Amino acid sequence: MRIGLLGGSFDPVHSAHLALAQTALVTLPLDEVQLMPAGQPWQRPPLGASPAHRLAMIKLAVGKAKGLQVNPIEIDRTGPTYTFETLALLPQEHEYFWILGADQLENFCTWREWSTIASKVQLVVAQRPGSKVAAPAALAAWLTQHNRHLVHLPFDPLDVSANEIRQRIARGDSTCDLIPEAVGQYITEHGLYRRHSA
């Protein structure tokens, strides 16, 4: 199978995440795209919602969308989340496509064992507001040396960020245009992203 992997903190999952997954599914094309919430991102400050809440929100967002799946592999592990360890645990008979935003690509060579990651997946890059699609020098050299390339995903950047959504919720502003309705209801029911949330 050709499987797309879309990782991230998903704190919370929002419309741009889903649009990116759907675009990759159709454009590449893929058999499925798996959304993989990070358990404990080692390069990020503490997240606003617990792993259990973030996983529940992604399941609500994906719902029964054809071709989209939720993979809790990184939530189920303990300790910091490293992508190269995740890839080693996935079934090896499939062809994997790691979907990145251009902002993530800029920092890719700071990831633990980044060259191992690049050797195991096809890197797919989508434009993000304020970022240009250009491989860091070390990655560009590695790709040339190994006769590999980046796949550029045609994707109209959506100016949506989880940080903005959290700020809106904290202020009591509407987020109905940024997140799925079911996710918004879940956030309200559980009091997430308020001044004091879990």
N, C-alpha and C. Protein backbone atom coordinates (compact mmCIF):
# COMPACT_ATOMS: atom_id res chain seq x y z
N MET A 1 0.83 -1.20 0.00
CA MET A 1 0.00 0.00 0.00
C MET A 1 0.87 1.26 0.00
N ARG A 2 0.33 2.30 -0.57
CA ARG A 2 0.95 3.63 -0.53
C ARG A 2 0.24 4.41 0.57
N ILE A 3 1.00 4.70 1.66
CA ILE A 3 0.40 5.28 2.85
C ILE A 3 1.04 6.62 3.16
N GLY A 4 0.22 7.64 3.29
CA GLY A 4 0.68 8.95 3.71
C GLY A 4 0.67 9.03 5.22
N LEU A 5 1.69 9.66 5.79
CA LEU A 5 1.79 9.85 7.24
C LEU A 5 1.82 11.33 7.53
N LEU A 6 0.84 11.80 8.29
CA LEU A 6 0.76 13.21 8.66
C LEU A 6 0.85 13.29 10.17
N GLY A 7 2.04 13.64 10.65
CA GLY A 7 2.25 13.74 12.09
C GLY A 7 2.09 15.17 12.58
N GLY A 8 2.09 15.33 13.89
CA GLY A 8 1.98 16.66 14.46
C GLY A 8 1.40 16.60 15.85
N SER A 9 1.37 17.74 16.51
CA SER A 9 0.80 17.78 17.86
C SER A 9 -0.73 17.79 17.81
N PHE A 10 -1.30 18.36 16.73
CA PHE A 10 -2.76 18.43 16.58
C PHE A 10 -3.39 18.95 17.88
N ASP A 11 -3.01 20.16 18.23
CA ASP A 11 -3.36 20.73 19.54
C ASP A 11 -4.10 22.08 19.39
N PRO A 12 -5.31 22.08 18.78
CA PRO A 12 -6.10 20.94 18.32
C PRO A 12 -5.98 20.72 16.81
N VAL A 13 -6.53 19.60 16.34
CA VAL A 13 -6.65 19.36 14.90
C VAL A 13 -7.55 20.43 14.29
N HIS A 14 -7.23 20.89 13.07
CA HIS A 14 -8.02 21.95 12.47
C HIS A 14 -8.22 21.72 10.97
N SER A 15 -8.90 22.65 10.33
CA SER A 15 -9.32 22.47 8.94
C SER A 15 -8.14 22.33 7.98
N ALA A 16 -7.03 23.02 8.25
CA ALA A 16 -5.87 22.92 7.36
C ALA A 16 -5.25 21.52 7.41
N HIS A 17 -5.24 20.90 8.58
CA HIS A 17 -4.74 19.52 8.68
C HIS A 17 -5.56 18.60 7.78
N LEU A 18 -6.86 18.71 7.88
CA LEU A 18 -7.74 17.82 7.11
C LEU A 18 -7.63 18.10 5.62
N ALA A 19 -7.55 19.37 5.25
CA ALA A 19 -7.41 19.72 3.84
C ALA A 19 -6.11 19.19 3.27
N LEU A 20 -5.03 19.26 4.04
CA LEU A 20 -3.74 18.76 3.60
C LEU A 20 -3.79 17.24 3.41
N ALA A 21 -4.41 16.54 4.36
CA ALA A 21 -4.52 15.08 4.25
C ALA A 21 -5.33 14.68 3.01
N GLN A 22 -6.44 15.37 2.78
CA GLN A 22 -7.28 15.05 1.62
C GLN A 22 -6.55 15.36 0.32
N THR A 23 -5.81 16.46 0.28
CA THR A 23 -5.07 16.81 -0.93
C THR A 23 -4.01 15.76 -1.24
N ALA A 24 -3.28 15.32 -0.23
CA ALA A 24 -2.25 14.29 -0.43
C ALA A 24 -2.88 12.98 -0.89
N LEU A 25 -3.99 12.62 -0.29
CA LEU A 25 -4.68 11.38 -0.62
C LEU A 25 -5.02 11.31 -2.11
N VAL A 26 -5.53 12.41 -2.64
CA VAL A 26 -6.00 12.44 -4.02
C VAL A 26 -4.86 12.71 -5.00
N THR A 27 -3.95 13.58 -4.65
CA THR A 27 -2.93 14.06 -5.59
C THR A 27 -1.81 13.05 -5.81
N LEU A 28 -1.38 12.34 -4.77
CA LEU A 28 -0.17 11.55 -4.91
C LEU A 28 -0.27 10.31 -5.82
N PRO A 29 -1.32 9.56 -5.96
CA PRO A 29 -2.41 9.33 -5.02
C PRO A 29 -1.99 8.26 -4.02
N LEU A 30 -2.74 8.19 -2.89
CA LEU A 30 -2.41 7.26 -1.83
C LEU A 30 -3.59 6.34 -1.55
N ASP A 31 -3.28 5.20 -0.97
CA ASP A 31 -4.36 4.30 -0.53
C ASP A 31 -5.02 4.84 0.73
N GLU A 32 -4.23 5.48 1.59
CA GLU A 32 -4.78 6.10 2.77
C GLU A 32 -3.78 7.09 3.34
N VAL A 33 -4.28 8.01 4.15
CA VAL A 33 -3.43 8.93 4.91
C VAL A 33 -3.72 8.69 6.38
N GLN A 34 -2.68 8.45 7.14
CA GLN A 34 -2.80 8.24 8.58
C GLN A 34 -2.39 9.51 9.31
N LEU A 35 -3.28 10.03 10.14
CA LEU A 35 -2.95 11.16 11.00
C LEU A 35 -2.40 10.60 12.30
N MET A 36 -1.18 11.02 12.67
CA MET A 36 -0.48 10.45 13.82
C MET A 36 -0.16 11.55 14.84
N PRO A 37 -1.00 11.70 15.85
CA PRO A 37 -0.69 12.69 16.89
C PRO A 37 0.52 12.29 17.71
N ALA A 38 1.40 13.26 17.95
CA ALA A 38 2.60 12.99 18.74
C ALA A 38 2.23 12.86 20.21
N GLY A 39 2.88 11.93 20.87
CA GLY A 39 2.62 11.76 22.30
C GLY A 39 3.26 12.87 23.11
N GLN A 40 4.58 13.01 22.95
CA GLN A 40 5.35 14.01 23.70
C GLN A 40 6.40 14.59 22.76
N PRO A 41 6.01 15.59 21.94
CA PRO A 41 6.97 16.17 20.98
C PRO A 41 8.17 16.76 21.70
N TRP A 42 9.36 16.28 21.36
CA TRP A 42 10.55 16.66 22.14
C TRP A 42 11.03 18.07 21.82
N GLN A 43 10.61 18.64 20.68
CA GLN A 43 11.04 19.99 20.34
C GLN A 43 9.97 21.04 20.64
N ARG A 44 8.91 20.65 21.32
CA ARG A 44 7.82 21.57 21.59
C ARG A 44 7.64 21.79 23.08
N PRO A 45 7.15 22.96 23.49
CA PRO A 45 6.80 23.16 24.89
C PRO A 45 5.60 22.29 25.24
N PRO A 46 5.26 22.16 26.52
CA PRO A 46 4.10 21.35 26.91
C PRO A 46 2.85 21.76 26.13
N LEU A 47 2.08 20.76 25.74
CA LEU A 47 0.91 21.01 24.90
C LEU A 47 -0.29 21.43 25.74
N GLY A 48 -1.30 22.01 25.07
CA GLY A 48 -2.46 22.52 25.77
C GLY A 48 -3.46 21.45 26.18
N ALA A 49 -3.48 20.34 25.45
CA ALA A 49 -4.41 19.25 25.75
C ALA A 49 -3.65 17.95 25.91
N SER A 50 -4.18 17.07 26.71
CA SER A 50 -3.53 15.78 26.96
C SER A 50 -3.54 14.92 25.70
N PRO A 51 -2.67 13.91 25.64
CA PRO A 51 -2.69 13.00 24.49
C PRO A 51 -4.06 12.37 24.26
N ALA A 52 -4.75 11.99 25.34
CA ALA A 52 -6.06 11.36 25.20
C ALA A 52 -7.06 12.32 24.56
N HIS A 53 -7.05 13.58 24.97
CA HIS A 53 -7.96 14.56 24.37
C HIS A 53 -7.62 14.82 22.91
N ARG A 54 -6.34 14.95 22.60
CA ARG A 54 -5.95 15.22 21.22
C ARG A 54 -6.31 14.05 20.30
N LEU A 55 -6.13 12.84 20.80
CA LEU A 55 -6.51 11.66 20.02
C LEU A 55 -8.02 11.62 19.79
N ALA A 56 -8.77 11.91 20.82
CA ALA A 56 -10.24 11.90 20.70
C ALA A 56 -10.70 12.94 19.68
N MET A 57 -10.08 14.12 19.68
CA MET A 57 -10.47 15.16 18.74
C MET A 57 -10.16 14.78 17.30
N ILE A 58 -9.01 14.13 17.09
CA ILE A 58 -8.66 13.70 15.73
C ILE A 58 -9.65 12.65 15.23
N LYS A 59 -10.03 11.74 16.11
CA LYS A 59 -11.01 10.72 15.71
C LYS A 59 -12.34 11.36 15.32
N LEU A 60 -12.74 12.38 16.04
CA LEU A 60 -13.96 13.10 15.69
C LEU A 60 -13.82 13.82 14.37
N ALA A 61 -12.67 14.44 14.15
CA ALA A 61 -12.43 15.20 12.93
C ALA A 61 -12.42 14.31 11.70
N VAL A 62 -11.78 13.16 11.81
CA VAL A 62 -11.69 12.23 10.68
C VAL A 62 -13.03 11.56 10.42
N GLY A 63 -13.71 11.18 11.50
CA GLY A 63 -15.01 10.54 11.36
C GLY A 63 -14.95 9.34 10.44
N LYS A 64 -15.80 9.33 9.43
CA LYS A 64 -15.85 8.23 8.47
C LYS A 64 -15.31 8.66 7.10
N ALA A 65 -14.46 9.69 7.09
CA ALA A 65 -13.90 10.18 5.83
C ALA A 65 -13.13 9.07 5.13
N LYS A 66 -13.48 8.81 3.91
CA LYS A 66 -12.84 7.72 3.16
C LYS A 66 -11.37 8.02 2.93
N GLY A 67 -10.54 7.06 3.24
CA GLY A 67 -9.10 7.19 3.00
C GLY A 67 -8.32 7.82 4.12
N LEU A 68 -9.00 8.34 5.14
CA LEU A 68 -8.30 8.93 6.28
C LEU A 68 -8.41 8.00 7.49
N GLN A 69 -7.28 7.81 8.16
CA GLN A 69 -7.23 6.95 9.33
C GLN A 69 -6.50 7.68 10.46
N VAL A 70 -6.74 7.25 11.68
CA VAL A 70 -6.03 7.77 12.84
C VAL A 70 -5.11 6.67 13.36
N ASN A 71 -3.82 6.99 13.47
CA ASN A 71 -2.85 6.02 13.98
C ASN A 71 -2.32 6.52 15.32
N PRO A 72 -2.65 5.82 16.42
CA PRO A 72 -2.24 6.29 17.76
C PRO A 72 -0.87 5.80 18.20
N ILE A 73 -0.05 5.33 17.28
CA ILE A 73 1.21 4.69 17.64
C ILE A 73 2.10 5.57 18.51
N GLU A 74 2.10 6.88 18.26
CA GLU A 74 2.98 7.75 19.04
C GLU A 74 2.34 8.13 20.38
N ILE A 75 1.03 8.12 20.44
CA ILE A 75 0.33 8.35 21.71
C ILE A 75 0.54 7.16 22.65
N ASP A 76 0.58 5.97 22.06
CA ASP A 76 0.67 4.75 22.85
C ASP A 76 2.07 4.53 23.45
N ARG A 77 3.09 5.20 22.89
CA ARG A 77 4.44 5.06 23.41
C ARG A 77 4.66 6.04 24.56
N THR A 78 5.59 5.72 25.43
CA THR A 78 5.95 6.63 26.51
C THR A 78 7.24 7.34 26.16
N GLY A 79 7.50 8.46 26.81
CA GLY A 79 8.71 9.21 26.57
C GLY A 79 8.60 10.12 25.36
N PRO A 80 9.66 10.85 25.05
CA PRO A 80 9.66 11.77 23.92
C PRO A 80 9.37 11.05 22.60
N THR A 81 8.69 11.74 21.70
CA THR A 81 8.30 11.17 20.42
C THR A 81 9.36 11.48 19.37
N TYR A 82 9.97 10.43 18.84
CA TYR A 82 10.96 10.58 17.77
C TYR A 82 10.44 9.87 16.52
N THR A 83 10.43 10.59 15.42
CA THR A 83 9.87 10.05 14.18
C THR A 83 10.62 8.81 13.70
N PHE A 84 11.92 8.79 13.82
CA PHE A 84 12.67 7.63 13.32
C PHE A 84 12.30 6.36 14.08
N GLU A 85 11.96 6.50 15.35
CA GLU A 85 11.52 5.33 16.12
C GLU A 85 10.13 4.89 15.68
N THR A 86 9.27 5.85 15.37
CA THR A 86 7.93 5.53 14.88
C THR A 86 8.01 4.74 13.59
N LEU A 87 8.84 5.19 12.67
CA LEU A 87 8.95 4.52 11.36
C LEU A 87 9.45 3.09 11.51
N ALA A 88 10.31 2.85 12.48
CA ALA A 88 10.84 1.50 12.69
C ALA A 88 9.77 0.54 13.18
N LEU A 89 8.71 1.09 13.79
CA LEU A 89 7.64 0.25 14.34
C LEU A 89 6.51 -0.02 13.34
N LEU A 90 6.48 0.70 12.24
CA LEU A 90 5.42 0.53 11.25
C LEU A 90 5.67 -0.71 10.40
N PRO A 91 4.61 -1.33 9.88
CA PRO A 91 4.80 -2.47 8.97
C PRO A 91 5.69 -2.09 7.80
N GLN A 92 6.70 -2.89 7.52
CA GLN A 92 7.72 -2.50 6.55
C GLN A 92 7.36 -2.84 5.10
N GLU A 93 6.24 -3.51 4.89
CA GLU A 93 5.89 -3.91 3.53
C GLU A 93 5.24 -2.80 2.72
N HIS A 94 4.93 -1.67 3.36
CA HIS A 94 4.24 -0.59 2.67
C HIS A 94 5.22 0.50 2.22
N GLU A 95 4.77 1.34 1.28
CA GLU A 95 5.53 2.50 0.84
C GLU A 95 4.96 3.72 1.56
N TYR A 96 5.83 4.44 2.27
CA TYR A 96 5.36 5.54 3.11
C TYR A 96 5.76 6.91 2.55
N PHE A 97 4.84 7.86 2.72
CA PHE A 97 5.04 9.23 2.28
C PHE A 97 4.86 10.13 3.50
N TRP A 98 5.94 10.80 3.91
CA TRP A 98 5.87 11.65 5.10
C TRP A 98 5.49 13.06 4.64
N ILE A 99 4.35 13.56 5.10
CA ILE A 99 3.81 14.83 4.65
C ILE A 99 4.23 15.93 5.61
N LEU A 100 4.91 16.92 5.06
CA LEU A 100 5.44 18.03 5.85
C LEU A 100 4.89 19.36 5.36
N GLY A 101 4.73 20.30 6.28
CA GLY A 101 4.53 21.68 5.88
C GLY A 101 5.89 22.29 5.62
N ALA A 102 5.94 23.35 4.82
CA ALA A 102 7.22 23.99 4.51
C ALA A 102 7.91 24.49 5.77
N ASP A 103 7.13 24.88 6.79
CA ASP A 103 7.74 25.33 8.03
C ASP A 103 8.47 24.20 8.74
N GLN A 104 7.92 22.98 8.67
CA GLN A 104 8.58 21.82 9.25
C GLN A 104 9.83 21.45 8.46
N LEU A 105 9.76 21.60 7.14
CA LEU A 105 10.91 21.28 6.30
C LEU A 105 12.12 22.12 6.68
N GLU A 106 11.90 23.37 7.02
CA GLU A 106 13.00 24.26 7.40
C GLU A 106 13.78 23.69 8.58
N ASN A 107 13.07 23.00 9.48
CA ASN A 107 13.71 22.47 10.70
C ASN A 107 14.02 20.98 10.61
N PHE A 108 13.82 20.38 9.44
CA PHE A 108 13.90 18.93 9.33
C PHE A 108 15.25 18.38 9.79
N CYS A 109 16.32 19.07 9.48
CA CYS A 109 17.64 18.56 9.82
C CYS A 109 17.99 18.70 11.30
N THR A 110 17.07 19.26 12.08
CA THR A 110 17.24 19.26 13.55
C THR A 110 16.55 18.05 14.17
N TRP A 111 15.80 17.28 13.37
CA TRP A 111 15.12 16.11 13.89
C TRP A 111 16.15 15.02 14.21
N ARG A 112 15.89 14.25 15.25
CA ARG A 112 16.78 13.16 15.61
C ARG A 112 16.83 12.13 14.47
N GLU A 113 18.02 11.77 14.04
CA GLU A 113 18.22 10.76 12.97
C GLU A 113 17.48 11.14 11.68
N TRP A 114 17.59 12.41 11.28
CA TRP A 114 16.82 12.87 10.13
C TRP A 114 17.15 12.12 8.84
N SER A 115 18.42 11.74 8.67
CA SER A 115 18.79 11.02 7.45
C SER A 115 18.19 9.61 7.42
N THR A 116 18.01 9.01 8.59
CA THR A 116 17.34 7.72 8.66
C THR A 116 15.88 7.87 8.23
N ILE A 117 15.25 8.94 8.68
CA ILE A 117 13.87 9.22 8.28
C ILE A 117 13.79 9.38 6.77
N ALA A 118 14.68 10.19 6.21
CA ALA A 118 14.66 10.44 4.77
C ALA A 118 14.88 9.18 3.96
N SER A 119 15.60 8.23 4.51
CA SER A 119 15.88 6.99 3.79
C SER A 119 14.69 6.02 3.80
N LYS A 120 13.79 6.21 4.76
CA LYS A 120 12.68 5.27 4.92
C LYS A 120 11.37 5.72 4.27
N VAL A 121 11.27 7.01 3.95
CA VAL A 121 10.01 7.55 3.43
C VAL A 121 10.29 8.44 2.22
N GLN A 122 9.25 8.69 1.46
CA GLN A 122 9.29 9.74 0.47
C GLN A 122 8.82 11.02 1.14
N LEU A 123 9.64 12.05 1.14
CA LEU A 123 9.27 13.31 1.76
C LEU A 123 8.36 14.11 0.83
N VAL A 124 7.24 14.55 1.36
CA VAL A 124 6.25 15.32 0.61
C VAL A 124 6.08 16.65 1.31
N VAL A 125 6.22 17.74 0.58
CA VAL A 125 6.22 19.06 1.20
C VAL A 125 5.10 19.92 0.63
N ALA A 126 4.37 20.57 1.53
CA ALA A 126 3.29 21.47 1.14
C ALA A 126 3.61 22.88 1.62
N GLN A 127 3.19 23.86 0.85
CA GLN A 127 3.41 25.26 1.21
C GLN A 127 2.67 25.61 2.50
N ARG A 128 3.31 26.47 3.31
CA ARG A 128 2.67 27.02 4.50
C ARG A 128 2.83 28.53 4.47
N PRO A 129 1.85 29.27 5.01
CA PRO A 129 1.98 30.73 5.02
C PRO A 129 3.28 31.18 5.67
N GLY A 130 4.01 32.06 4.98
CA GLY A 130 5.23 32.61 5.54
C GLY A 130 6.46 31.75 5.37
N SER A 131 6.34 30.60 4.69
CA SER A 131 7.48 29.72 4.49
C SER A 131 7.61 29.38 3.01
N LYS A 132 8.84 29.25 2.55
CA LYS A 132 9.07 28.84 1.17
C LYS A 132 9.48 27.37 1.14
N VAL A 133 9.13 26.69 0.06
CA VAL A 133 9.44 25.27 -0.05
C VAL A 133 10.87 25.12 -0.56
N ALA A 134 11.80 24.97 0.34
CA ALA A 134 13.20 24.81 -0.01
C ALA A 134 13.86 23.90 1.02
N ALA A 135 14.51 22.86 0.56
CA ALA A 135 15.18 21.93 1.48
C ALA A 135 16.37 22.60 2.13
N PRO A 136 16.60 22.38 3.44
CA PRO A 136 17.83 22.86 4.07
C PRO A 136 19.04 22.30 3.34
N ALA A 137 20.16 22.99 3.44
CA ALA A 137 21.35 22.61 2.67
C ALA A 137 21.76 21.15 2.91
N ALA A 138 21.75 20.73 4.17
CA ALA A 138 22.18 19.37 4.48
C ALA A 138 21.25 18.33 3.85
N LEU A 139 19.95 18.60 3.89
CA LEU A 139 18.99 17.68 3.28
C LEU A 139 19.12 17.70 1.77
N ALA A 140 19.28 18.87 1.19
CA ALA A 140 19.43 18.95 -0.27
C ALA A 140 20.65 18.15 -0.72
N ALA A 141 21.75 18.24 0.02
CA ALA A 141 22.95 17.48 -0.32
C ALA A 141 22.70 15.99 -0.19
N TRP A 142 21.99 15.60 0.88
CA TRP A 142 21.70 14.18 1.09
C TRP A 142 20.83 13.63 -0.05
N LEU A 143 19.81 14.38 -0.43
CA LEU A 143 18.92 13.94 -1.50
C LEU A 143 19.68 13.76 -2.81
N THR A 144 20.56 14.69 -3.12
CA THR A 144 21.37 14.58 -4.34
C THR A 144 22.27 13.37 -4.30
N GLN A 145 22.91 13.17 -3.15
CA GLN A 145 23.84 12.05 -2.99
C GLN A 145 23.15 10.71 -3.16
N HIS A 146 21.88 10.62 -2.72
CA HIS A 146 21.15 9.35 -2.74
C HIS A 146 20.14 9.28 -3.88
N ASN A 147 20.25 10.22 -4.82
CA ASN A 147 19.37 10.24 -5.99
C ASN A 147 17.90 10.23 -5.58
N ARG A 148 17.59 11.04 -4.59
CA ARG A 148 16.22 11.16 -4.10
C ARG A 148 15.75 12.59 -4.34
N HIS A 149 14.48 12.84 -4.12
CA HIS A 149 13.93 14.17 -4.35
C HIS A 149 12.77 14.44 -3.40
N LEU A 150 12.43 15.70 -3.28
CA LEU A 150 11.24 16.10 -2.55
C LEU A 150 10.06 16.08 -3.51
N VAL A 151 8.92 15.62 -3.02
CA VAL A 151 7.68 15.75 -3.77
C VAL A 151 6.98 17.02 -3.29
N HIS A 152 6.70 17.92 -4.21
CA HIS A 152 6.01 19.17 -3.87
C HIS A 152 4.51 18.96 -4.07
N LEU A 153 3.77 19.11 -3.01
CA LEU A 153 2.33 18.90 -3.05
C LEU A 153 1.63 20.21 -3.38
N PRO A 154 0.88 20.26 -4.48
CA PRO A 154 0.15 21.50 -4.79
C PRO A 154 -0.96 21.72 -3.76
N PHE A 155 -0.80 22.74 -2.96
CA PHE A 155 -1.72 22.97 -1.85
C PHE A 155 -1.82 24.45 -1.58
N ASP A 156 -3.00 25.00 -1.69
CA ASP A 156 -3.20 26.41 -1.40
C ASP A 156 -3.09 26.61 0.12
N PRO A 157 -2.10 27.34 0.57
CA PRO A 157 -1.89 27.49 2.01
C PRO A 157 -3.12 28.09 2.70
N LEU A 158 -3.49 27.48 3.80
CA LEU A 158 -4.58 28.00 4.63
C LEU A 158 -3.96 28.66 5.85
N ASP A 159 -4.31 29.90 6.06
CA ASP A 159 -3.72 30.65 7.17
C ASP A 159 -4.44 30.30 8.46
N VAL A 160 -4.24 29.06 8.89
CA VAL A 160 -4.86 28.55 10.11
C VAL A 160 -3.75 27.94 10.96
N SER A 161 -3.73 28.26 12.23
CA SER A 161 -2.75 27.65 13.12
C SER A 161 -3.43 27.24 14.42
N ALA A 162 -2.90 26.16 15.00
CA ALA A 162 -3.44 25.70 16.27
C ALA A 162 -3.25 26.76 17.35
N ASN A 163 -2.15 27.49 17.28
CA ASN A 163 -1.89 28.54 18.27
C ASN A 163 -2.98 29.62 18.23
N GLU A 164 -3.34 30.03 17.02
CA GLU A 164 -4.41 31.03 16.88
C GLU A 164 -5.73 30.50 17.44
N ILE A 165 -6.01 29.23 17.16
CA ILE A 165 -7.25 28.63 17.64
C ILE A 165 -7.27 28.61 19.17
N ARG A 166 -6.16 28.22 19.78
CA ARG A 166 -6.09 28.19 21.25
C ARG A 166 -6.30 29.59 21.82
N GLN A 167 -5.71 30.60 21.17
CA GLN A 167 -5.87 31.97 21.65
C GLN A 167 -7.32 32.43 21.53
N ARG A 168 -7.96 32.07 20.44
CA ARG A 168 -9.38 32.44 20.26
C ARG A 168 -10.24 31.82 21.35
N ILE A 169 -9.98 30.53 21.62
CA ILE A 169 -10.77 29.84 22.64
C ILE A 169 -10.55 30.48 24.00
N ALA A 170 -9.29 30.81 24.31
CA ALA A 170 -8.98 31.43 25.60
C ALA A 170 -9.69 32.77 25.75
N ARG A 171 -9.89 33.48 24.64
CA ARG A 171 -10.58 34.78 24.68
C ARG A 171 -12.09 34.63 24.61
N GLY A 172 -12.56 33.41 24.30
CA GLY A 172 -13.99 33.19 24.14
C GLY A 172 -14.50 33.54 22.76
N ASP A 173 -13.59 33.68 21.77
CA ASP A 173 -13.98 34.01 20.40
C ASP A 173 -14.40 32.76 19.64
N SER A 174 -15.09 32.95 18.54
CA SER A 174 -15.57 31.84 17.72
C SER A 174 -14.43 31.17 16.96
N THR A 175 -14.54 29.86 16.82
CA THR A 175 -13.59 29.09 16.01
C THR A 175 -14.32 28.25 14.97
N CYS A 176 -15.58 28.56 14.72
CA CYS A 176 -16.41 27.69 13.89
C CYS A 176 -15.89 27.58 12.46
N ASP A 177 -15.11 28.57 12.00
CA ASP A 177 -14.59 28.52 10.64
C ASP A 177 -13.21 27.86 10.55
N LEU A 178 -12.70 27.40 11.69
CA LEU A 178 -11.34 26.87 11.72
C LEU A 178 -11.26 25.39 12.08
N ILE A 179 -12.24 24.88 12.79
CA ILE A 179 -12.19 23.49 13.24
C ILE A 179 -13.53 22.82 12.95
N PRO A 180 -13.53 21.48 12.78
CA PRO A 180 -14.79 20.78 12.58
C PRO A 180 -15.75 21.00 13.75
N GLU A 181 -17.03 20.99 13.45
CA GLU A 181 -18.03 21.26 14.48
C GLU A 181 -17.91 20.29 15.65
N ALA A 182 -17.70 19.00 15.35
CA ALA A 182 -17.61 18.00 16.41
C ALA A 182 -16.43 18.27 17.33
N VAL A 183 -15.33 18.77 16.76
CA VAL A 183 -14.16 19.09 17.56
C VAL A 183 -14.45 20.30 18.46
N GLY A 184 -15.13 21.29 17.91
CA GLY A 184 -15.51 22.46 18.70
C GLY A 184 -16.39 22.08 19.87
N GLN A 185 -17.33 21.17 19.64
CA GLN A 185 -18.22 20.72 20.71
C GLN A 185 -17.43 19.98 21.79
N TYR A 186 -16.47 19.16 21.35
CA TYR A 186 -15.65 18.41 22.31
C TYR A 186 -14.83 19.37 23.18
N ILE A 187 -14.24 20.37 22.56
CA ILE A 187 -13.45 21.35 23.30
C ILE A 187 -14.30 22.06 24.35
N THR A 188 -15.51 22.42 23.96
CA THR A 188 -16.41 23.10 24.89
C THR A 188 -16.81 22.18 26.04
N GLU A 189 -17.17 20.95 25.69
CA GLU A 189 -17.63 19.99 26.71
C GLU A 189 -16.55 19.71 27.75
N HIS A 190 -15.29 19.69 27.31
CA HIS A 190 -14.21 19.33 28.22
C HIS A 190 -13.44 20.54 28.74
N GLY A 191 -13.87 21.72 28.36
CA GLY A 191 -13.24 22.94 28.87
C GLY A 191 -11.79 23.11 28.46
N LEU A 192 -11.45 22.64 27.26
CA LEU A 192 -10.05 22.69 26.82
C LEU A 192 -9.65 24.10 26.39
N TYR A 193 -8.38 24.39 26.57
CA TYR A 193 -7.74 25.63 26.10
C TYR A 193 -8.27 26.88 26.78
N ARG A 194 -8.98 26.71 27.88
CA ARG A 194 -9.33 27.88 28.69
C ARG A 194 -8.11 28.22 29.53
N ARG A 195 -8.27 29.14 30.44
CA ARG A 195 -7.12 29.51 31.26
C ARG A 195 -6.59 28.34 32.07
N HIS A 196 -7.52 27.47 32.48
CA HIS A 196 -7.13 26.28 33.24
C HIS A 196 -7.78 25.08 32.57
N SER A 197 -7.02 24.33 31.79
CA SER A 197 -7.55 23.15 31.11
C SER A 197 -6.55 22.02 31.20
N ALA A 198 -7.04 20.82 30.84
CA ALA A 198 -6.19 19.64 30.93
C ALA A 198 -5.96 19.06 29.58
